[in-house]
Amino acid sequence: MRKWIKIEGRERRRKVIRKKIVGTNERPRLSVYRSITNLYAQLVDDIAGKTVLSLSTTSPDIREKCKKDAGNVKAL
């Protein structure tokens, strides 16, 4: 039951923020999701409805760079 309350609160906050922030081609919106093990980031053009760029720590090239600093603030 408590898990659903957290999810509903997160969705409510997301809706409030998304009403105010709109990404354009010149200035895309940065969307970041942090899971327990990985980070995911996207640059989004809301007018065209497309993702301009996406990165995550699951991709091989970024994983190689962060491998030596795993578990450290420097890895982020």
N, C-alpha and C. Protein backbone atom coordinates (compact mmCIF):
# COMPACT_ATOMS: atom_id res chain seq x y z
N MET A 1 0.82 -1.20 0.00
CA MET A 1 0.00 0.00 0.00
C MET A 1 0.86 1.26 0.00
N ARG A 2 1.91 1.25 0.80
CA ARG A 2 2.76 2.42 0.90
C ARG A 2 3.51 2.71 -0.40
N LYS A 3 3.84 1.64 -1.15
CA LYS A 3 4.54 1.81 -2.42
C LYS A 3 3.70 2.63 -3.39
N TRP A 4 2.38 2.39 -3.44
CA TRP A 4 1.51 3.12 -4.34
C TRP A 4 1.43 4.59 -3.97
N ILE A 5 1.49 4.90 -2.70
CA ILE A 5 1.46 6.30 -2.27
C ILE A 5 2.69 7.03 -2.78
N LYS A 6 3.87 6.38 -2.71
CA LYS A 6 5.10 6.99 -3.22
C LYS A 6 5.01 7.21 -4.73
N ILE A 7 4.47 6.22 -5.44
CA ILE A 7 4.37 6.34 -6.90
C ILE A 7 3.41 7.45 -7.28
N GLU A 8 2.28 7.55 -6.61
CA GLU A 8 1.32 8.60 -6.90
C GLU A 8 1.89 9.98 -6.62
N GLY A 9 2.66 10.12 -5.54
CA GLY A 9 3.30 11.40 -5.23
C GLY A 9 4.31 11.79 -6.29
N ARG A 10 5.08 10.81 -6.76
CA ARG A 10 6.08 11.07 -7.80
C ARG A 10 5.39 11.51 -9.09
N GLU A 11 4.31 10.85 -9.46
CA GLU A 11 3.58 11.22 -10.67
C GLU A 11 2.97 12.62 -10.55
N ARG A 12 2.46 12.97 -9.38
CA ARG A 12 1.87 14.29 -9.16
C ARG A 12 2.94 15.37 -9.31
N ARG A 13 4.10 15.16 -8.71
CA ARG A 13 5.20 16.14 -8.83
C ARG A 13 5.64 16.26 -10.28
N ARG A 14 5.71 15.15 -10.99
CA ARG A 14 6.12 15.16 -12.39
C ARG A 14 5.16 15.99 -13.23
N LYS A 15 3.86 15.84 -13.02
CA LYS A 15 2.87 16.59 -13.79
C LYS A 15 2.96 18.08 -13.53
N VAL A 16 3.19 18.48 -12.29
CA VAL A 16 3.30 19.91 -11.95
C VAL A 16 4.51 20.52 -12.65
N ILE A 17 5.62 19.82 -12.62
CA ILE A 17 6.84 20.32 -13.24
C ILE A 17 6.70 20.38 -14.76
N ARG A 18 6.11 19.33 -15.36
CA ARG A 18 5.98 19.28 -16.81
C ARG A 18 5.03 20.34 -17.37
N LYS A 19 4.13 20.87 -16.56
CA LYS A 19 3.28 21.96 -17.01
C LYS A 19 4.10 23.22 -17.22
N LYS A 20 5.16 23.39 -16.44
CA LYS A 20 5.96 24.61 -16.47
C LYS A 20 7.12 24.53 -17.46
N ILE A 21 7.67 23.35 -17.67
CA ILE A 21 8.90 23.21 -18.45
C ILE A 21 8.60 22.52 -19.78
N VAL A 22 9.01 23.17 -20.88
CA VAL A 22 8.83 22.62 -22.22
C VAL A 22 10.16 22.72 -22.95
N GLY A 23 10.62 21.61 -23.53
CA GLY A 23 11.86 21.60 -24.27
C GLY A 23 11.64 21.99 -25.72
N THR A 24 12.55 22.79 -26.27
CA THR A 24 12.49 23.19 -27.67
C THR A 24 13.71 22.65 -28.39
N ASN A 25 13.78 22.88 -29.69
CA ASN A 25 14.93 22.43 -30.46
C ASN A 25 16.19 23.18 -30.03
N GLU A 26 16.06 24.48 -29.76
CA GLU A 26 17.21 25.28 -29.35
C GLU A 26 17.63 24.96 -27.91
N ARG A 27 16.64 24.65 -27.07
CA ARG A 27 16.92 24.39 -25.65
C ARG A 27 16.09 23.18 -25.18
N PRO A 28 16.62 21.98 -25.40
CA PRO A 28 15.86 20.79 -25.03
C PRO A 28 15.77 20.60 -23.51
N ARG A 29 14.76 19.86 -23.10
CA ARG A 29 14.55 19.55 -21.68
C ARG A 29 15.42 18.37 -21.30
N LEU A 30 16.05 18.45 -20.13
CA LEU A 30 16.87 17.36 -19.62
C LEU A 30 16.04 16.53 -18.66
N SER A 31 15.93 15.25 -18.98
CA SER A 31 15.20 14.33 -18.13
C SER A 31 16.19 13.32 -17.57
N VAL A 32 16.23 13.21 -16.24
CA VAL A 32 17.18 12.31 -15.59
C VAL A 32 16.42 11.34 -14.70
N TYR A 33 16.78 10.05 -14.80
CA TYR A 33 16.22 9.03 -13.94
C TYR A 33 17.39 8.30 -13.27
N ARG A 34 17.34 8.19 -11.97
CA ARG A 34 18.39 7.51 -11.23
C ARG A 34 17.80 6.28 -10.56
N SER A 35 18.25 5.12 -11.01
CA SER A 35 17.82 3.89 -10.35
C SER A 35 18.86 3.55 -9.28
N ILE A 36 18.68 2.45 -8.63
CA ILE A 36 19.63 2.05 -7.58
C ILE A 36 21.02 1.80 -8.18
N THR A 37 21.07 1.24 -9.38
CA THR A 37 22.36 0.86 -9.96
C THR A 37 22.83 1.74 -11.11
N ASN A 38 21.92 2.44 -11.79
CA ASN A 38 22.31 3.16 -13.00
C ASN A 38 21.67 4.55 -13.07
N LEU A 39 22.23 5.37 -13.97
CA LEU A 39 21.68 6.69 -14.30
C LEU A 39 21.25 6.69 -15.76
N TYR A 40 20.15 7.35 -16.03
CA TYR A 40 19.66 7.50 -17.39
C TYR A 40 19.36 8.98 -17.61
N ALA A 41 19.80 9.53 -18.75
CA ALA A 41 19.55 10.94 -19.05
C ALA A 41 19.12 11.07 -20.50
N GLN A 42 18.18 12.00 -20.73
CA GLN A 42 17.70 12.27 -22.08
C GLN A 42 17.56 13.76 -22.29
N LEU A 43 17.85 14.21 -23.50
CA LEU A 43 17.53 15.56 -23.94
C LEU A 43 16.33 15.44 -24.86
N VAL A 44 15.23 16.14 -24.51
CA VAL A 44 13.96 15.95 -25.20
C VAL A 44 13.48 17.25 -25.82
N ASP A 45 13.09 17.17 -27.09
CA ASP A 45 12.43 18.28 -27.78
C ASP A 45 10.94 17.99 -27.73
N ASP A 46 10.21 18.68 -26.84
CA ASP A 46 8.79 18.41 -26.64
C ASP A 46 7.93 18.89 -27.80
N ILE A 47 8.36 19.92 -28.50
CA ILE A 47 7.56 20.45 -29.61
C ILE A 47 7.51 19.44 -30.75
N ALA A 48 8.67 18.85 -31.09
CA ALA A 48 8.71 17.83 -32.13
C ALA A 48 8.35 16.45 -31.59
N GLY A 49 8.38 16.30 -30.28
CA GLY A 49 8.06 15.01 -29.67
C GLY A 49 9.15 13.98 -29.88
N LYS A 50 10.41 14.42 -29.89
CA LYS A 50 11.52 13.50 -30.16
C LYS A 50 12.60 13.62 -29.10
N THR A 51 13.30 12.53 -28.88
CA THR A 51 14.46 12.53 -28.01
C THR A 51 15.68 12.90 -28.84
N VAL A 52 16.38 13.96 -28.45
CA VAL A 52 17.54 14.44 -29.19
C VAL A 52 18.75 13.57 -28.88
N LEU A 53 18.94 13.27 -27.60
CA LEU A 53 20.11 12.50 -27.16
C LEU A 53 19.74 11.71 -25.92
N SER A 54 20.27 10.50 -25.82
CA SER A 54 20.05 9.72 -24.60
C SER A 54 21.35 9.03 -24.21
N LEU A 55 21.60 9.00 -22.92
CA LEU A 55 22.78 8.35 -22.36
C LEU A 55 22.38 7.56 -21.13
N SER A 56 23.11 6.51 -20.86
CA SER A 56 22.90 5.78 -19.62
C SER A 56 24.19 5.09 -19.23
N THR A 57 24.28 4.76 -17.97
CA THR A 57 25.48 4.07 -17.49
C THR A 57 25.47 2.60 -17.87
N THR A 58 24.43 2.15 -18.58
CA THR A 58 24.40 0.78 -19.07
C THR A 58 25.09 0.65 -20.42
N SER A 59 25.34 1.76 -21.12
CA SER A 59 26.00 1.68 -22.41
C SER A 59 27.48 1.33 -22.21
N PRO A 60 28.04 0.52 -23.11
CA PRO A 60 29.40 -0.01 -22.92
C PRO A 60 30.48 1.07 -22.80
N ASP A 61 30.43 2.14 -23.62
CA ASP A 61 31.49 3.14 -23.57
C ASP A 61 31.48 3.92 -22.25
N ILE A 62 30.33 4.25 -21.74
CA ILE A 62 30.25 4.96 -20.46
C ILE A 62 30.57 4.02 -19.31
N ARG A 63 30.17 2.77 -19.44
CA ARG A 63 30.46 1.79 -18.39
C ARG A 63 31.98 1.61 -18.23
N GLU A 64 32.70 1.64 -19.35
CA GLU A 64 34.16 1.52 -19.29
C GLU A 64 34.78 2.70 -18.55
N LYS A 65 34.28 3.91 -18.81
CA LYS A 65 34.82 5.10 -18.15
C LYS A 65 34.54 5.10 -16.65
N CYS A 66 33.38 4.59 -16.25
CA CYS A 66 32.98 4.60 -14.84
C CYS A 66 33.43 3.36 -14.09
N LYS A 67 33.98 2.39 -14.78
CA LYS A 67 34.32 1.11 -14.16
C LYS A 67 35.32 1.27 -13.02
N LYS A 68 36.35 2.07 -13.22
CA LYS A 68 37.38 2.22 -12.20
C LYS A 68 36.89 3.02 -11.00
N ASP A 69 35.85 3.86 -11.18
CA ASP A 69 35.34 4.69 -10.09
C ASP A 69 34.02 4.18 -9.54
N ALA A 70 33.73 2.91 -9.77
CA ALA A 70 32.42 2.37 -9.36
C ALA A 70 32.23 2.54 -7.86
N GLY A 71 31.05 2.99 -7.48
CA GLY A 71 30.73 3.18 -6.07
C GLY A 71 31.28 4.46 -5.49
N ASN A 72 31.76 5.36 -6.34
CA ASN A 72 32.37 6.58 -5.88
C ASN A 72 31.64 7.77 -6.50
N VAL A 73 31.70 8.90 -5.89
CA VAL A 73 31.05 10.10 -6.41
C VAL A 73 31.65 10.48 -7.75
N LYS A 74 32.93 10.21 -7.96
CA LYS A 74 33.61 10.56 -9.20
C LYS A 74 33.00 9.83 -10.40
N ALA A 75 32.41 8.67 -10.18
CA ALA A 75 31.83 7.90 -11.26
C ALA A 75 30.63 8.62 -11.88
N LEU A 76 29.98 9.49 -11.14
CA LEU A 76 28.83 10.19 -11.66
C LEU A 76 29.28 11.46 -12.30
